[in-house]
Amino acid sequence: FAAEKVGGSPGFEKALLDQHEQSADQATTGVFFMGIAAAVALFVSRRGRPMPKWSLGLLALLALATFGLMARTANFGGHIRHPEIRPASAQTP
């Protein structure tokens, strides 16, 4: 729906939209893996058992990676509507 709205706006580039969509797919995959790791850590620590030592480090690493992927996706999304923040090599004259 959003792609249809911005598709006709001046300065719109389909390549930027495709880049944003691909980045969003990667970020979604990161969130999925983080959720799986959190579920495994919760399952292992059920019934009063202590949380495994590996889980906090792994979850912190996955959270940091997911944050980076989400920030990258947001930046690519900004390039679609804000040509002033696009890299100089990607700007159209």
C-alpha atoms as a PDB file:
ATOM      1  CA  PHE A   1       0.000   0.000   0.000  1.00  0.00           C
ATOM      2  CA  ALA A   2       2.746   2.465   0.903  1.00  0.00           C
ATOM      3  CA  ALA A   3       4.638   1.616  -2.280  1.00  0.00           C
ATOM      4  CA  GLU A   4       1.560   2.536  -4.314  1.00  0.00           C
ATOM      5  CA  LYS A   5       1.292   5.900  -2.546  1.00  0.00           C
ATOM      6  CA  VAL A   6       4.890   6.976  -3.121  1.00  0.00           C
ATOM      7  CA  GLY A   7       5.190   5.359  -6.559  1.00  0.00           C
ATOM      8  CA  GLY A   8       3.987   8.424  -8.389  1.00  0.00           C
ATOM      9  CA  SER A   9       5.841  11.045  -6.377  1.00  0.00           C
ATOM     10  CA  PRO A  10       8.628  13.053  -8.002  1.00  0.00           C
ATOM     11  CA  GLY A  11      12.097  11.639  -7.474  1.00  0.00           C
ATOM     12  CA  PHE A  12      10.792   8.138  -6.736  1.00  0.00           C
ATOM     13  CA  GLU A  13      13.225   5.352  -7.601  1.00  0.00           C
ATOM     14  CA  LYS A  14      12.070   1.736  -7.634  1.00  0.00           C
ATOM     15  CA  ALA A  15      15.613   0.561  -6.849  1.00  0.00           C
ATOM     16  CA  LEU A  16      15.451   2.348  -3.479  1.00  0.00           C
ATOM     17  CA  LEU A  17      12.152   0.670  -2.670  1.00  0.00           C
ATOM     18  CA  ASP A  18      13.564  -2.726  -3.589  1.00  0.00           C
ATOM     19  CA  GLN A  19      16.610  -2.089  -1.390  1.00  0.00           C
ATOM     20  CA  HIS A  20      14.347  -1.119   1.513  1.00  0.00           C
ATOM     21  CA  GLU A  21      12.175  -4.232   1.078  1.00  0.00           C
ATOM     22  CA  GLN A  22      15.200  -6.534   0.960  1.00  0.00           C
ATOM     23  CA  SER A  23      16.610  -4.911   4.079  1.00  0.00           C
ATOM     24  CA  ALA A  24      13.252  -5.309   5.830  1.00  0.00           C
ATOM     25  CA  ASP A  25      13.264  -9.026   4.991  1.00  0.00           C
ATOM     26  CA  GLN A  26      16.716  -9.354   6.551  1.00  0.00           C
ATOM     27  CA  ALA A  27      15.621  -7.463   9.666  1.00  0.00           C
ATOM     28  CA  THR A  28      12.552  -9.683   9.999  1.00  0.00           C
ATOM     29  CA  THR A  29      14.785 -12.741   9.805  1.00  0.00           C
ATOM     30  CA  GLY A  30      16.941 -11.278  12.581  1.00  0.00           C
ATOM     31  CA  VAL A  31      13.894 -10.752  14.787  1.00  0.00           C
ATOM     32  CA  PHE A  32      12.775 -14.315  14.073  1.00  0.00           C
ATOM     33  CA  PHE A  33      16.127 -15.798  15.145  1.00  0.00           C
ATOM     34  CA  MET A  34      16.196 -13.622  18.245  1.00  0.00           C
ATOM     35  CA  GLY A  35      12.710 -14.834  19.177  1.00  0.00           C
ATOM     36  CA  ILE A  36      13.723 -18.465  18.682  1.00  0.00           C
ATOM     37  CA  ALA A  37      16.822 -17.983  20.863  1.00  0.00           C
ATOM     38  CA  ALA A  38      14.741 -16.286  23.580  1.00  0.00           C
ATOM     39  CA  ALA A  39      12.178 -19.094  23.499  1.00  0.00           C
ATOM     40  CA  VAL A  40      14.910 -21.721  23.821  1.00  0.00           C
ATOM     41  CA  ALA A  41      16.478 -19.845  26.745  1.00  0.00           C
ATOM     42  CA  LEU A  42      13.100 -19.596  28.488  1.00  0.00           C
ATOM     43  CA  PHE A  43      12.363 -23.261  27.870  1.00  0.00           C
ATOM     44  CA  VAL A  44      15.727 -24.351  29.265  1.00  0.00           C
ATOM     45  CA  SER A  45      15.270 -22.195  32.381  1.00  0.00           C
ATOM     46  CA  ARG A  46      11.752 -23.353  33.244  1.00  0.00           C
ATOM     47  CA  ARG A  47      10.720 -24.741  36.645  1.00  0.00           C
ATOM     48  CA  GLY A  48      13.072 -22.605  38.679  1.00  0.00           C
ATOM     49  CA  ARG A  49      16.278 -23.620  36.921  1.00  0.00           C
ATOM     50  CA  PRO A  50      18.783 -20.814  36.457  1.00  0.00           C
ATOM     51  CA  MET A  51      18.994 -19.196  33.076  1.00  0.00           C
ATOM     52  CA  PRO A  52      21.936 -20.581  31.092  1.00  0.00           C
ATOM     53  CA  LYS A  53      25.004 -18.330  31.054  1.00  0.00           C
ATOM     54  CA  TRP A  54      25.236 -18.484  27.270  1.00  0.00           C
ATOM     55  CA  SER A  55      21.728 -17.159  26.796  1.00  0.00           C
ATOM     56  CA  LEU A  56      22.269 -13.595  27.993  1.00  0.00           C
ATOM     57  CA  GLY A  57      25.312 -13.067  25.817  1.00  0.00           C
ATOM     58  CA  LEU A  58      23.675 -14.641  22.796  1.00  0.00           C
ATOM     59  CA  LEU A  59      20.480 -12.648  23.239  1.00  0.00           C
ATOM     60  CA  ALA A  60      22.418  -9.407  23.706  1.00  0.00           C
ATOM     61  CA  LEU A  61      24.397 -10.104  20.530  1.00  0.00           C
ATOM     62  CA  LEU A  62      21.247 -10.948  18.569  1.00  0.00           C
ATOM     63  CA  ALA A  63      19.485  -7.850  19.921  1.00  0.00           C
ATOM     64  CA  LEU A  64      22.401  -5.664  18.828  1.00  0.00           C
ATOM     65  CA  ALA A  65      22.473  -7.269  15.371  1.00  0.00           C
ATOM     66  CA  THR A  66      18.705  -6.896  15.022  1.00  0.00           C
ATOM     67  CA  PHE A  67      18.904  -3.261  16.077  1.00  0.00           C
ATOM     68  CA  GLY A  68      21.512  -2.667  13.390  1.00  0.00           C
ATOM     69  CA  LEU A  69      19.356  -4.359  10.753  1.00  0.00           C
ATOM     70  CA  MET A  70      16.306  -2.328  11.783  1.00  0.00           C
ATOM     71  CA  ALA A  71      18.266   0.932  11.737  1.00  0.00           C
ATOM     72  CA  ARG A  72      19.598   0.073   8.273  1.00  0.00           C
ATOM     73  CA  THR A  73      16.061  -0.634   7.074  1.00  0.00           C
ATOM     74  CA  ALA A  74      14.823   2.673   8.472  1.00  0.00           C
ATOM     75  CA  ASN A  75      17.672   4.516   6.779  1.00  0.00           C
ATOM     76  CA  PHE A  76      16.851   2.924   3.419  1.00  0.00           C
ATOM     77  CA  GLY A  77      13.216   3.864   3.947  1.00  0.00           C
ATOM     78  CA  GLY A  78      14.243   7.444   4.551  1.00  0.00           C
ATOM     79  CA  HIS A  79      16.124   7.491   1.255  1.00  0.00           C
ATOM     80  CA  ILE A  80      12.854   6.816  -0.567  1.00  0.00           C
ATOM     81  CA  ARG A  81      11.106  10.017   0.550  1.00  0.00           C
ATOM     82  CA  HIS A  82      14.057  12.236   1.450  1.00  0.00           C
ATOM     83  CA  PRO A  83      16.487  12.671  -1.432  1.00  0.00           C
ATOM     84  CA  GLU A  84      18.525  15.103   0.664  1.00  0.00           C
ATOM     85  CA  ILE A  85      19.858  12.225   2.799  1.00  0.00           C
ATOM     86  CA  ARG A  86      20.757   9.952  -0.106  1.00  0.00           C
ATOM     87  CA  PRO A  87      24.443   9.336  -0.743  1.00  0.00           C
ATOM     88  CA  ALA A  88      25.845  11.623  -3.421  1.00  0.00           C
ATOM     89  CA  SER A  89      26.416   8.682  -5.783  1.00  0.00           C
ATOM     90  CA  ALA A  90      22.713   7.672  -5.614  1.00  0.00           C
ATOM     91  CA  GLN A  91      21.173  11.114  -6.174  1.00  0.00           C
ATOM     92  CA  THR A  92      19.591  11.884  -9.477  1.00  0.00           C
ATOM     93  CA  PRO A  93      20.544  15.200 -11.110  1.00  0.00           C
END
